[in-house]
Each structure stands twice: as C-alpha cells, then as structure tokens.
Amino acid sequence: MIDISGTYTDQYQLTMGQVYFSKGEAEKTAVFDYFFRKLPFNGGFAVFAGLETLLDLLENFKFSDKDLEYLNTQDFSKDYLNYLKDFRFRGKIYSMREGDVVFPGAPVLKVEANIIEAQIIETLLLNILNFQTLIATKASRMAIQAKGRTLIDFGLRRAQGFGGYHASRAAVIGGFEATSNTRAGRDFNFPVSGTMAHSFIQSYEHELDAFRDFAETHPKNTILLVDTYDTLKSGLPNAIQVGKEMESQGHKLKGIRLDSGDLAYLARKSREMLDKAGLDYVKISASNQLDEHVIKSLLDQEAPIDIFGVGTSLVTGKPDAALDGVYKLSFFKDKPRIKLSETISKVTLPHRKQVLRLLDDSGNFLGGDVVCIAGEKNPEMMYHPFDPLKFRFIGDVEKEELLSLVMEDQKRSNKHISIKEIKDFSKERLAKLPPEYHRFNNPHIYKVGISEKLRDERNDLIEEHKNKRS
C-alpha cells in the first residue's frame, strides 16, 4: 500500500480549516456527499471502485513532522498546526459496496465528521474514488464485449505515473483476469502475466533460437510473440516448430501473441496454421491499442482470439480521462445545506440521505434508485430531481438500502474485502441490471429520483435562500 500523509490534499482544504479552527467551529459536525453527474464513455452504468483503498489510507492518515515543518512556512498559526499534529479521521463513512453499479446524482458515499476532518480528506477521497471508478467502468465495458474471453492489463508503462498501480486494481474489479503489473499483483493478490518483448527476439541472431531458449527456461508458461519480423512467414512457423519440440519433451506451448497488423486476419490465419499442425490447444492472444470498440469489432468479425491484452485505453480511461465526481456539503451545525446554481442540474440535494434501489420480485434492478432523507421508511413516490411532471408510485416496490456504515473512529466496520470478493460481487450486481443498460450504443437511461420529503426540503431551502437575497 502506498503511504499517504496529511499534505496529500489541496491547499484550500487547509486554509478553510484554519478559519474553522480560529472561529471555534472545528468540532461542529458536517455531512458531505460524494456523487458524480455524468456516466463515462456514453455508457449505461458505472462500477464503484476504490473504497477499500480509501479506507486503508484513512486508517493511517495523519500529518508527519515533515508535513508540519513544511506547513509552518505556509502562513498557518502555531495553534492550528498543533491541532493538525493530533489530526486523525475519527468521523463516520457510509458507502455503497465497492463493485456495485452506480448512477449519476445519487450519493455513492457519505462522510459525517467534524468540519475540518471532513474537509481535509476531500481531495484524497476524490482522487482515489474518481480514478478507480473510471477504470473499473472502462474494464467492465471491455469485459462485456469480450464475452468470456480473458482480459489482461498491460497498461502500467502507459499510465500517468503511479496511477498505473491503482488502475491495475480497478481493472480486475471490472472484470480483468490478470495484470503485467508485478507490484499490484503482489499487493492485491491477483494473477500476473508477462512473457517477452520484441527486444528479446531482436537480441538473438535467429528468431527460432530466441523461441527455443524461452521455451526451455519457461516450459510451463511459453507464449511466443510472433510479429517481430513476419507473422505468417517467420513467427508462426517458428512458433509451430517450437511447439512440436515442446510436445516431444512432454510440455505444451501455451500461446502466441499478435501485436500488430490486421489482427482479425492474422488470428484466423494463425488458427488455421496451428490447427493444421495439431496445435489446436494453443491460445491466440492479441494486443496493440485495444479498447472495447476494437474488441467488439474483432469478435463481430469472428476473430478466433482467446486473450486480449489492453494497455493505454484502459489505464487512461480513454477518451474520458476523468470521472466528474464531486464532494458537496449537505448538512452542517444541525441544518441542511444546499448549493444553488444557474445550471439547475448542479443544485445539490440537502440533508443526511439514504439511497434506495428498486427491485423486482426476483431481486433484479427495476431501473431506478430513489434518494431520500435518512430514516425515511418506504417512501411512496419517486420524483424527477428537476422536472415536477415526472414521478412514479413506488410504495409497493421492494427497496434495498445502499448506504451502510463502513468506517468509524479510524476503524473499519467490517473486515478487509479481497479483490476477488469485490470482483465477484460486481459481476453479480451487473447480472441484476437489465440488458438494456448494458447496450454498447444508446443504452437505456437509469432513473435516479428523490422522495417527496426530500423534494420538499430542497424546495423550502431554495425559497429560503431566494428570500435572503431579496
């Protein structure tokens, strides 16, 4: 786990904190909501990821002596720095489960803590959750298009710095089977994969000798890169020869990798040549600027590819690059709070809240989440957040509470959850989401509404602020 100190934040969190401290507001309770406003990749859902990472970091989040020495040069008072010396996150976090499918507008996570604690962790929280949710969603889209074929993360070398570390974690949550990232494999306990690069083959005078030496050294995991010189005239014939030699020694060639050219055409030709040579068990893997669009195209062409290695597009979240997750104050000093905007979709929802997912008789998702005030029991109506003419009766619909306590006073509420458990849970939740939300193009829009009580609270606050201005 990467160590993070208290200065892993934006400066304005600290400057606001000093004002709260100097005015005696430091211990006043605040509630912030984490949510996002737009689904990435024009998709029908997002996969929530990063929660376990965040909880790990918050358990040890503090200001070191080095942090305080630096902040002493930044015009902070000695009393405030003494306060930060003892800083720990002692608040509460309520969250949806990591791996769940999530939608715009509904709080995915809620922080309840004193105002300084809640403010200082904002940047860390957004940094971790926005990025991992983006990458897990991208990975999930690829997994859907791969239709059960193996996906491997090759992205570390193309990632934005150390972001590749958490990208590998999020990729596995989203449906990838393995990663080339050895450190992530070690820390998160999932499979690593890697064989050879073109430079290995180039370092030999003869491609065949490179293949033979690799097979001799790694007889249980021989995947040969066949496009260094000429895929069909050199790479494949040499791979087949080595495959036959391995058979005579009691081993089997595991696979070949295509990394350039017309992948659909080369995969078909490679399959023909391998099968003709009696090597029908040899897998074909493909890499080279893959994403969900290319994977879909290849399989639409019935390319016989068993394994996809995905790099740049995965770990950079191409083309969206960032999830627009935000962190907004909704309750402070025993009063609901609201942010108004000329853009109506940016008006926030006040109060302590809960999110309820609507379920059918089989426990599958009915295509709607309702945001209500915490403690509301079975709201009967669900309203569009901004269009008063759109509403739905939900009194007789089964509902599932999505936000639960996950951290309090520096400690988790539950045990650590493994990547495999999170991945399996995500797959289970996606299976409950109707197919129209999985569509590659023009997916159905999942409805997120608000309860009547929350709608009325919000409208009253809007009127209150209008009256203050007049």
Protein backbone atom coordinates (compact mmCIF):
# COMPACT_ATOMS: atom_id res chain seq x y z
CA MET A 1 0.00 0.00 0.00
CA ILE A 2 1.27 3.46 -0.93
CA ASP A 3 1.80 5.71 2.12
CA ILE A 4 -0.16 8.96 2.12
CA SER A 5 0.33 11.84 4.58
CA GLY A 6 -1.93 14.71 5.59
CA THR A 7 -0.45 17.00 2.95
CA TYR A 8 -1.94 14.80 0.24
CA THR A 9 -4.66 17.43 -0.10
CA ASP A 10 -5.36 20.73 -1.81
CA GLN A 11 -4.17 23.84 -0.04
CA TYR A 12 -7.63 25.33 0.18
CA GLN A 13 -8.75 22.46 2.42
CA LEU A 14 -6.12 23.57 4.93
CA THR A 15 -6.77 27.29 4.62
CA MET A 16 -10.51 26.77 5.19
CA GLY A 17 -9.65 24.53 8.11
CA GLN A 18 -7.71 27.30 9.83
CA VAL A 19 -10.73 29.60 9.61
CA TYR A 20 -12.99 26.95 11.16
CA PHE A 21 -10.39 26.37 13.87
CA SER A 22 -9.87 30.04 14.70
CA LYS A 23 -13.63 30.69 14.87
CA GLY A 24 -14.31 27.77 17.21
CA GLU A 25 -16.12 25.71 14.61
CA ALA A 26 -13.63 22.82 14.44
CA GLU A 27 -15.78 20.28 16.26
CA LYS A 28 -19.07 21.11 14.54
CA THR A 29 -20.44 18.12 12.64
CA ALA A 30 -20.67 18.27 8.85
CA VAL A 31 -22.06 15.84 6.28
CA PHE A 32 -20.63 15.67 2.76
CA ASP A 33 -21.91 13.58 -0.16
CA TYR A 34 -19.74 12.04 -2.85
CA PHE A 35 -21.53 11.59 -6.18
CA PHE A 36 -20.97 12.10 -9.90
CA ARG A 37 -23.08 13.87 -12.50
CA LYS A 38 -22.41 12.06 -15.79
CA LEU A 39 -21.75 8.46 -16.81
CA PRO A 40 -18.39 7.96 -18.54
CA PHE A 41 -17.94 6.53 -22.06
CA ASN A 42 -21.61 7.21 -23.01
CA GLY A 43 -22.42 4.03 -21.12
CA GLY A 44 -25.40 2.87 -19.10
CA PHE A 45 -23.73 2.38 -15.72
CA ALA A 46 -20.55 2.88 -13.69
CA VAL A 47 -18.75 0.41 -11.41
CA PHE A 48 -17.87 1.84 -8.00
CA ALA A 49 -14.23 1.16 -7.08
CA GLY A 50 -11.58 2.45 -4.70
CA LEU A 51 -13.41 2.17 -1.37
CA GLU A 52 -11.05 -0.39 0.21
CA THR A 53 -8.05 1.70 -0.87
CA LEU A 54 -9.59 4.81 0.69
CA LEU A 55 -10.34 3.05 3.99
CA ASP A 56 -6.80 1.66 4.15
CA LEU A 57 -5.37 5.14 3.71
CA LEU A 58 -7.70 6.83 6.18
CA GLU A 59 -6.79 4.39 8.94
CA ASN A 60 -3.30 5.91 8.98
CA PHE A 61 -3.95 9.40 7.62
CA LYS A 62 -2.05 11.98 9.68
CA PHE A 63 0.40 14.86 9.47
CA SER A 64 4.04 13.86 9.89
CA ASP A 65 6.75 16.02 11.42
CA LYS A 66 7.94 16.76 7.89
CA ASP A 67 4.41 17.86 6.90
CA LEU A 68 4.17 20.20 9.87
CA GLU A 69 7.61 21.67 9.22
CA TYR A 70 6.53 22.49 5.69
CA LEU A 71 3.15 23.91 6.73
CA ASN A 72 4.96 26.14 9.21
CA THR A 73 6.34 28.00 6.16
CA GLN A 74 2.83 28.49 4.72
CA ASP A 75 1.36 31.17 6.99
CA PHE A 76 -0.56 28.84 9.30
CA SER A 77 -0.85 29.65 13.01
CA LYS A 78 1.04 27.64 15.63
CA ASP A 79 -2.21 26.75 17.41
CA TYR A 80 -3.68 25.37 14.18
CA LEU A 81 -0.53 23.37 13.45
CA ASN A 82 -0.67 21.93 16.97
CA TYR A 83 -4.25 20.89 16.20
CA LEU A 84 -3.12 19.21 12.97
CA LYS A 85 -0.36 17.40 14.87
CA ASP A 86 -3.05 15.28 16.51
CA PHE A 87 -5.22 15.04 13.39
CA ARG A 88 -6.86 11.68 12.67
CA PHE A 89 -10.00 10.89 10.74
CA ARG A 90 -12.38 9.98 13.57
CA GLY A 91 -15.61 10.50 11.67
CA LYS A 92 -18.01 8.11 10.03
CA ILE A 93 -18.22 6.96 6.43
CA TYR A 94 -21.35 5.44 4.93
CA SER A 95 -20.95 3.92 1.49
CA MET A 96 -22.34 1.72 -1.22
CA ARG A 97 -20.43 -1.54 -1.53
CA GLU A 98 -17.35 -1.49 -3.69
CA GLY A 99 -18.07 -3.17 -7.01
CA ASP A 100 -21.73 -2.12 -7.12
CA VAL A 101 -23.20 -0.48 -10.19
CA VAL A 102 -23.82 3.22 -9.56
CA PHE A 103 -25.54 6.05 -11.37
CA PRO A 104 -25.39 9.86 -11.64
CA GLY A 105 -26.96 12.03 -8.99
CA ALA A 106 -27.20 9.52 -6.16
CA PRO A 107 -24.75 9.74 -3.24
CA VAL A 108 -22.31 6.85 -3.55
CA LEU A 109 -20.62 7.67 -0.27
CA LYS A 110 -21.37 9.95 2.70
CA VAL A 111 -18.88 11.44 5.17
CA GLU A 112 -20.06 12.54 8.62
CA ALA A 113 -17.31 14.13 10.71
CA ASN A 114 -16.21 17.39 12.25
CA ILE A 115 -15.89 20.05 9.56
CA ILE A 116 -12.08 20.07 9.46
CA GLU A 117 -11.77 16.27 9.22
CA ALA A 118 -14.43 16.11 6.53
CA GLN A 119 -12.81 18.92 4.57
CA ILE A 120 -9.21 17.73 4.72
CA ILE A 121 -9.98 14.22 3.37
CA GLU A 122 -11.91 15.58 0.38
CA THR A 123 -9.04 15.62 -2.10
CA LEU A 124 -7.80 12.15 -1.17
CA LEU A 125 -11.32 10.75 -1.41
CA LEU A 126 -11.98 12.27 -4.83
CA ASN A 127 -8.54 11.30 -6.12
CA ILE A 128 -8.99 7.64 -5.21
CA LEU A 129 -12.68 7.07 -5.95
CA ASN A 130 -12.95 9.06 -9.18
CA PHE A 131 -9.98 7.35 -10.79
CA GLN A 132 -10.66 3.77 -9.75
CA THR A 133 -14.37 4.05 -10.60
CA LEU A 134 -13.48 5.36 -14.05
CA ILE A 135 -11.05 2.49 -14.74
CA ALA A 136 -13.29 -0.23 -13.28
CA THR A 137 -16.11 1.04 -15.51
CA LYS A 138 -13.86 1.01 -18.58
CA ALA A 139 -12.72 -2.52 -17.72
CA SER A 140 -16.29 -3.69 -17.24
CA ARG A 141 -17.26 -2.38 -20.68
CA MET A 142 -14.41 -4.36 -22.19
CA ALA A 143 -15.36 -7.48 -20.25
CA ILE A 144 -18.91 -7.30 -21.60
CA GLN A 145 -17.62 -7.05 -25.18
CA ALA A 146 -15.04 -9.83 -24.65
CA LYS A 147 -17.88 -12.29 -23.94
CA GLY A 148 -15.97 -14.51 -21.55
CA ARG A 149 -12.54 -14.28 -23.15
CA THR A 150 -9.55 -13.48 -20.96
CA LEU A 151 -8.54 -9.85 -20.44
CA ILE A 152 -5.08 -8.86 -19.18
CA ASP A 153 -3.99 -5.38 -18.10
CA PHE A 154 -0.84 -4.28 -19.95
CA GLY A 155 -1.13 -0.60 -19.05
CA LEU A 156 1.47 0.25 -16.40
CA ARG A 157 4.03 1.68 -18.82
CA ARG A 158 1.40 3.93 -20.41
CA ALA A 159 -0.27 5.12 -17.20
CA GLN A 160 0.00 8.58 -15.72
CA GLY A 161 2.82 7.96 -13.27
CA PHE A 162 1.91 5.89 -10.25
CA GLY A 163 -1.74 5.88 -11.30
CA GLY A 164 -1.00 2.59 -13.03
CA TYR A 165 -0.81 0.90 -9.63
CA HIS A 166 -4.45 1.56 -8.75
CA ALA A 167 -5.53 1.20 -12.37
CA SER A 168 -4.49 -2.45 -12.24
CA ARG A 169 -6.57 -2.96 -9.09
CA ALA A 170 -9.62 -1.31 -10.64
CA ALA A 171 -9.21 -3.28 -13.87
CA VAL A 172 -9.52 -6.58 -12.02
CA ILE A 173 -12.63 -5.34 -10.20
CA GLY A 174 -14.10 -4.50 -13.60
CA GLY A 175 -13.52 -8.00 -14.99
CA PHE A 176 -9.87 -8.39 -15.99
CA GLU A 177 -8.18 -11.68 -15.06
CA ALA A 178 -4.56 -10.60 -14.63
CA THR A 179 -2.05 -7.79 -14.97
CA SER A 180 1.50 -7.27 -16.14
CA ASN A 181 1.97 -5.04 -13.07
CA THR A 182 4.06 -7.16 -10.69
CA ARG A 183 3.75 -4.80 -7.71
CA ALA A 184 -0.03 -4.65 -7.97
CA GLY A 185 -0.18 -8.43 -8.29
CA ARG A 186 1.90 -8.77 -5.14
CA ASP A 187 -0.05 -6.25 -3.07
CA PHE A 188 -3.56 -7.19 -4.18
CA ASN A 189 -3.02 -10.93 -4.65
CA PHE A 190 -4.23 -11.40 -8.20
CA PRO A 191 -2.50 -13.15 -11.14
CA VAL A 192 0.37 -11.54 -13.03
CA SER A 193 1.18 -12.25 -16.64
CA GLY A 194 4.16 -11.49 -18.86
CA THR A 195 6.44 -13.34 -21.26
CA MET A 196 8.60 -11.48 -23.78
CA ALA A 197 9.07 -8.26 -25.72
CA HIS A 198 10.30 -7.70 -29.26
CA SER A 199 13.70 -6.70 -27.87
CA PHE A 200 14.21 -10.23 -26.54
CA ILE A 201 13.81 -11.68 -30.03
CA GLN A 202 15.88 -8.92 -31.61
CA SER A 203 18.75 -9.69 -29.24
CA TYR A 204 19.19 -13.08 -30.97
CA GLU A 205 20.59 -13.67 -34.43
CA HIS A 206 17.74 -16.07 -35.18
CA GLU A 207 14.11 -15.83 -34.05
CA LEU A 208 13.90 -19.62 -33.68
CA ASP A 209 16.76 -19.64 -31.17
CA ALA A 210 15.00 -16.95 -29.10
CA PHE A 211 11.82 -19.03 -29.02
CA ARG A 212 13.72 -22.20 -28.09
CA ASP A 213 15.60 -20.57 -25.23
CA PHE A 214 12.45 -19.04 -23.81
CA ALA A 215 10.57 -22.34 -24.00
CA GLU A 216 13.46 -24.13 -22.31
CA THR A 217 13.52 -21.59 -19.47
CA HIS A 218 9.73 -21.25 -19.05
CA PRO A 219 8.23 -24.54 -20.25
CA LYS A 220 5.01 -24.09 -18.26
CA ASN A 221 4.29 -20.58 -19.48
CA THR A 222 5.51 -20.19 -23.04
CA ILE A 223 3.69 -17.56 -25.04
CA LEU A 224 5.63 -16.55 -28.14
CA LEU A 225 5.47 -13.10 -29.71
CA VAL A 226 5.26 -13.83 -33.41
CA ASP A 227 5.23 -10.46 -35.21
CA THR A 228 8.81 -9.20 -34.77
CA TYR A 229 9.74 -9.87 -38.41
CA ASP A 230 6.94 -11.56 -40.40
CA THR A 231 3.99 -13.07 -38.56
CA LEU A 232 2.89 -15.70 -41.08
CA LYS A 233 6.18 -16.45 -42.83
CA SER A 234 8.53 -16.40 -39.85
CA GLY A 235 6.92 -16.01 -36.44
CA LEU A 236 4.17 -18.58 -36.78
CA PRO A 237 6.28 -21.26 -38.50
CA ASN A 238 8.98 -20.88 -35.83
CA ALA A 239 6.39 -20.96 -33.04
CA ILE A 240 4.87 -24.13 -34.50
CA GLN A 241 8.29 -25.77 -34.70
CA VAL A 242 8.99 -24.93 -31.06
CA GLY A 243 5.51 -26.12 -30.11
CA LYS A 244 6.16 -29.52 -31.70
CA GLU A 245 9.57 -29.74 -29.99
CA MET A 246 7.91 -28.95 -26.65
CA GLU A 247 5.40 -31.74 -27.19
CA SER A 248 8.24 -34.23 -27.71
CA GLN A 249 9.68 -33.10 -24.36
CA GLY A 250 6.39 -33.53 -22.51
CA HIS A 251 5.42 -29.84 -22.47
CA LYS A 252 2.90 -27.72 -24.32
CA LEU A 253 3.15 -24.33 -25.99
CA LYS A 254 0.68 -22.14 -24.12
CA GLY A 255 0.03 -19.47 -26.71
CA ILE A 256 1.15 -17.00 -29.34
CA ARG A 257 0.73 -13.22 -29.26
CA LEU A 258 -0.16 -10.90 -32.11
CA ASP A 259 0.86 -7.29 -31.53
CA SER A 260 0.49 -5.58 -34.91
CA GLY A 261 -1.16 -5.75 -38.28
CA ASP A 262 -4.69 -6.82 -39.19
CA LEU A 263 -5.47 -8.73 -36.02
CA ALA A 264 -8.66 -10.39 -37.29
CA TYR A 265 -6.98 -11.67 -40.46
CA LEU A 266 -3.80 -12.76 -38.69
CA ALA A 267 -5.74 -14.50 -35.93
CA ARG A 268 -7.72 -16.54 -38.48
CA LYS A 269 -4.60 -17.50 -40.42
CA SER A 270 -2.74 -18.33 -37.21
CA ARG A 271 -5.60 -20.53 -36.02
CA GLU A 272 -5.60 -22.39 -39.35
CA MET A 273 -1.84 -22.98 -39.23
CA LEU A 274 -1.82 -24.04 -35.59
CA ASP A 275 -4.73 -26.43 -36.04
CA LYS A 276 -3.20 -27.93 -39.16
CA ALA A 277 -0.03 -28.60 -37.17
CA GLY A 278 -2.00 -30.37 -34.44
CA LEU A 279 -1.60 -27.49 -32.00
CA ASP A 280 -5.29 -26.75 -31.58
CA TYR A 281 -4.81 -26.23 -27.85
CA VAL A 282 -2.50 -23.22 -28.35
CA LYS A 283 -4.23 -19.96 -27.39
CA ILE A 284 -4.11 -16.82 -29.51
CA SER A 285 -3.64 -13.54 -27.67
CA ALA A 286 -3.78 -10.08 -29.18
CA SER A 287 -2.60 -6.66 -28.09
CA ASN A 288 -1.89 -3.26 -29.72
CA GLN A 289 -4.11 -0.28 -28.85
CA LEU A 290 -7.17 -2.32 -27.94
CA ASP A 291 -10.31 -0.96 -26.30
CA GLU A 292 -13.94 -2.07 -26.07
CA HIS A 293 -14.65 -0.79 -29.60
CA VAL A 294 -11.79 -2.78 -31.15
CA ILE A 295 -12.62 -5.89 -29.10
CA LYS A 296 -16.23 -5.71 -30.25
CA SER A 297 -15.15 -5.27 -33.86
CA LEU A 298 -12.76 -8.22 -33.72
CA LEU A 299 -15.36 -10.54 -32.26
CA ASP A 300 -18.02 -9.28 -34.68
CA GLN A 301 -15.59 -10.46 -37.37
CA GLU A 302 -15.39 -13.83 -35.55
CA ALA A 303 -11.65 -13.45 -34.98
CA PRO A 304 -10.50 -16.55 -33.04
CA ILE A 305 -8.78 -14.58 -30.27
CA ASP A 306 -8.75 -16.10 -26.79
CA ILE A 307 -6.90 -13.42 -24.81
CA PHE A 308 -6.87 -9.64 -25.08
CA GLY A 309 -4.01 -7.57 -23.63
CA VAL A 310 -5.18 -4.00 -23.09
CA GLY A 311 -2.96 -1.08 -22.13
CA THR A 312 -3.29 2.62 -22.86
CA SER A 313 -7.05 2.89 -23.34
CA LEU A 314 -7.70 1.02 -20.11
CA VAL A 315 -5.40 2.77 -17.65
CA THR A 316 -6.01 6.28 -19.02
CA GLY A 317 -9.78 5.87 -19.20
CA LYS A 318 -9.67 6.92 -22.84
CA PRO A 319 -11.41 9.03 -24.09
CA ASP A 320 -12.94 10.47 -20.90
CA ALA A 321 -9.76 10.59 -18.75
CA ALA A 322 -11.64 11.59 -15.57
CA LEU A 323 -14.89 10.92 -13.74
CA ASP A 324 -16.64 14.14 -12.69
CA GLY A 325 -17.19 13.02 -9.11
CA VAL A 326 -17.84 15.82 -6.62
CA TYR A 327 -17.97 16.23 -2.83
CA LYS A 328 -20.68 18.57 -1.56
CA LEU A 329 -21.75 19.77 1.86
CA SER A 330 -25.32 18.70 2.67
CA PHE A 331 -25.63 19.23 6.44
CA PHE A 332 -23.78 21.42 8.98
CA LYS A 333 -24.43 22.60 12.54
CA ASP A 334 -27.77 20.74 12.67
CA LYS A 335 -29.08 22.37 9.50
CA PRO A 336 -29.48 21.05 5.94
CA ARG A 337 -27.29 22.89 3.41
CA ILE A 338 -27.70 23.45 -0.32
CA LYS A 339 -25.63 24.82 -3.19
CA LEU A 340 -27.62 26.77 -5.77
CA SER A 341 -26.63 27.25 -9.40
CA GLU A 342 -27.85 28.87 -12.59
CA THR A 343 -27.39 25.37 -14.04
CA ILE A 344 -30.31 23.52 -12.47
CA SER A 345 -28.60 20.12 -12.64
CA LYS A 346 -25.90 21.50 -10.32
CA VAL A 347 -28.29 22.36 -7.50
CA THR A 348 -27.34 19.96 -4.72
CA LEU A 349 -29.55 17.79 -2.51
CA PRO A 350 -29.55 18.81 1.16
CA HIS A 351 -29.76 16.77 4.37
CA ARG A 352 -28.47 13.42 5.62
CA LYS A 353 -29.59 10.95 2.99
CA GLN A 354 -30.07 7.29 2.12
CA VAL A 355 -30.29 5.71 -1.34
CA LEU A 356 -32.85 3.00 -2.04
CA ARG A 357 -32.62 0.69 -5.06
CA LEU A 358 -35.88 -0.52 -6.54
CA LEU A 359 -36.10 -4.29 -7.03
CA ASP A 360 -38.48 -6.61 -8.84
CA ASP A 361 -39.90 -9.84 -7.38
CA SER A 362 -36.72 -11.72 -8.39
CA GLY A 363 -34.36 -9.23 -6.76
CA ASN A 364 -33.27 -7.74 -10.08
CA PHE A 365 -32.96 -3.98 -10.51
CA LEU A 366 -36.07 -2.15 -11.68
CA GLY A 367 -34.13 0.66 -13.30
CA GLY A 368 -34.44 3.19 -10.52
CA ASP A 369 -32.73 4.49 -7.37
CA VAL A 370 -34.53 6.89 -5.05
CA VAL A 371 -32.61 9.35 -2.85
CA CYS A 372 -34.43 10.05 0.40
CA ILE A 373 -33.79 11.57 3.80
CA ALA A 374 -32.02 9.11 6.11
CA GLY A 375 -34.55 7.28 8.25
CA GLU A 376 -37.42 7.55 5.77
CA LYS A 377 -39.42 4.34 5.74
CA ASN A 378 -40.69 3.17 2.39
CA PRO A 379 -41.33 6.44 0.53
CA GLU A 380 -44.36 6.08 -1.72
CA MET A 381 -43.40 8.46 -4.50
CA MET A 382 -40.24 8.99 -6.54
CA TYR A 383 -39.86 12.36 -8.30
CA HIS A 384 -37.54 13.50 -11.04
CA PRO A 385 -34.96 15.78 -9.36
CA PHE A 386 -35.80 18.80 -11.53
CA ASP A 387 -38.94 18.04 -13.60
CA PRO A 388 -42.07 18.18 -11.39
CA LEU A 389 -44.17 16.50 -14.09
CA LYS A 390 -42.16 13.28 -13.92
CA PHE A 391 -42.90 10.99 -10.97
CA ARG A 392 -43.59 7.37 -10.15
CA PHE A 393 -45.50 5.50 -7.46
CA ILE A 394 -43.11 3.15 -5.63
CA GLY A 395 -44.99 2.37 -2.42
CA ASP A 396 -45.47 -1.31 -3.28
CA VAL A 397 -41.97 -1.83 -4.73
CA GLU A 398 -39.28 -3.72 -2.81
CA LYS A 399 -36.36 -1.46 -1.89
CA GLU A 400 -32.74 -2.12 -0.92
CA GLU A 401 -30.75 0.33 1.22
CA LEU A 402 -27.41 1.03 -0.45
CA LEU A 403 -25.51 3.21 2.06
CA SER A 404 -24.16 1.46 5.16
CA LEU A 405 -21.56 2.33 7.81
CA VAL A 406 -18.07 1.28 6.67
CA MET A 407 -15.79 3.31 8.98
CA GLU A 408 -15.98 4.98 12.37
CA ASP A 409 -13.25 6.47 14.60
CA GLN A 410 -10.33 5.34 12.37
CA LYS A 411 -11.57 1.77 12.17
CA ARG A 412 -13.41 -0.21 9.54
CA SER A 413 -16.83 -1.54 10.40
CA ASN A 414 -16.09 -4.82 8.63
CA LYS A 415 -13.10 -6.94 7.67
CA HIS A 416 -10.94 -6.23 4.65
CA ILE A 417 -12.61 -7.41 1.46
CA SER A 418 -10.47 -9.17 -1.14
CA ILE A 419 -10.28 -8.13 -4.78
CA LYS A 420 -11.86 -11.45 -5.75
CA GLU A 421 -14.82 -10.84 -3.46
CA ILE A 422 -15.30 -7.34 -4.89
CA LYS A 423 -14.98 -8.63 -8.46
CA ASP A 424 -17.48 -11.44 -7.85
CA PHE A 425 -19.91 -9.01 -6.21
CA SER A 426 -19.64 -6.62 -9.15
CA LYS A 427 -20.35 -9.42 -11.61
CA GLU A 428 -23.36 -10.45 -9.54
CA ARG A 429 -24.72 -6.90 -9.44
CA LEU A 430 -24.21 -6.37 -13.17
CA ALA A 431 -26.21 -9.55 -13.79
CA LYS A 432 -29.13 -7.95 -11.92
CA LEU A 433 -29.03 -4.90 -14.19
CA PRO A 434 -31.40 -5.37 -17.16
CA PRO A 435 -29.70 -5.85 -20.56
CA GLU A 436 -30.89 -2.54 -21.96
CA TYR A 437 -28.45 -0.78 -19.61
CA HIS A 438 -25.57 -2.95 -20.90
CA ARG A 439 -26.12 -1.90 -24.51
CA PHE A 440 -22.96 -0.74 -26.25
CA ASN A 441 -24.73 2.03 -28.13
CA ASN A 442 -27.57 4.17 -26.78
CA PRO A 443 -28.09 2.34 -23.50
CA HIS A 444 -31.29 2.91 -21.58
CA ILE A 445 -31.14 5.72 -19.00
CA TYR A 446 -31.29 4.50 -15.41
CA LYS A 447 -33.61 6.70 -13.36
CA VAL A 448 -32.39 8.40 -10.18
CA GLY A 449 -35.17 10.24 -8.37
CA ILE A 450 -35.87 11.82 -5.00
CA SER A 451 -38.52 11.19 -2.37
CA GLU A 452 -41.35 13.62 -1.77
CA LYS A 453 -39.96 14.58 1.62
CA LEU A 454 -36.50 15.34 0.21
CA ARG A 455 -38.02 17.28 -2.68
CA ASP A 456 -39.99 19.44 -0.26
CA GLU A 457 -36.94 20.04 1.98
CA ARG A 458 -34.90 21.10 -1.03
CA ASN A 459 -37.59 23.40 -2.40
CA ASP A 460 -38.04 25.05 1.01
CA LEU A 461 -34.30 25.72 1.21
CA ILE A 462 -34.27 27.20 -2.29
CA GLU A 463 -37.07 29.57 -1.30
CA GLU A 464 -35.30 30.46 1.94
CA HIS A 465 -32.15 31.47 0.06
CA LYS A 466 -34.14 33.42 -2.52
CA ASN A 467 -35.79 35.38 0.29
CA LYS A 468 -32.40 36.16 1.84
CA ARG A 469 -31.22 37.68 -1.41
CA SER A 470 -34.33 39.79 -1.98
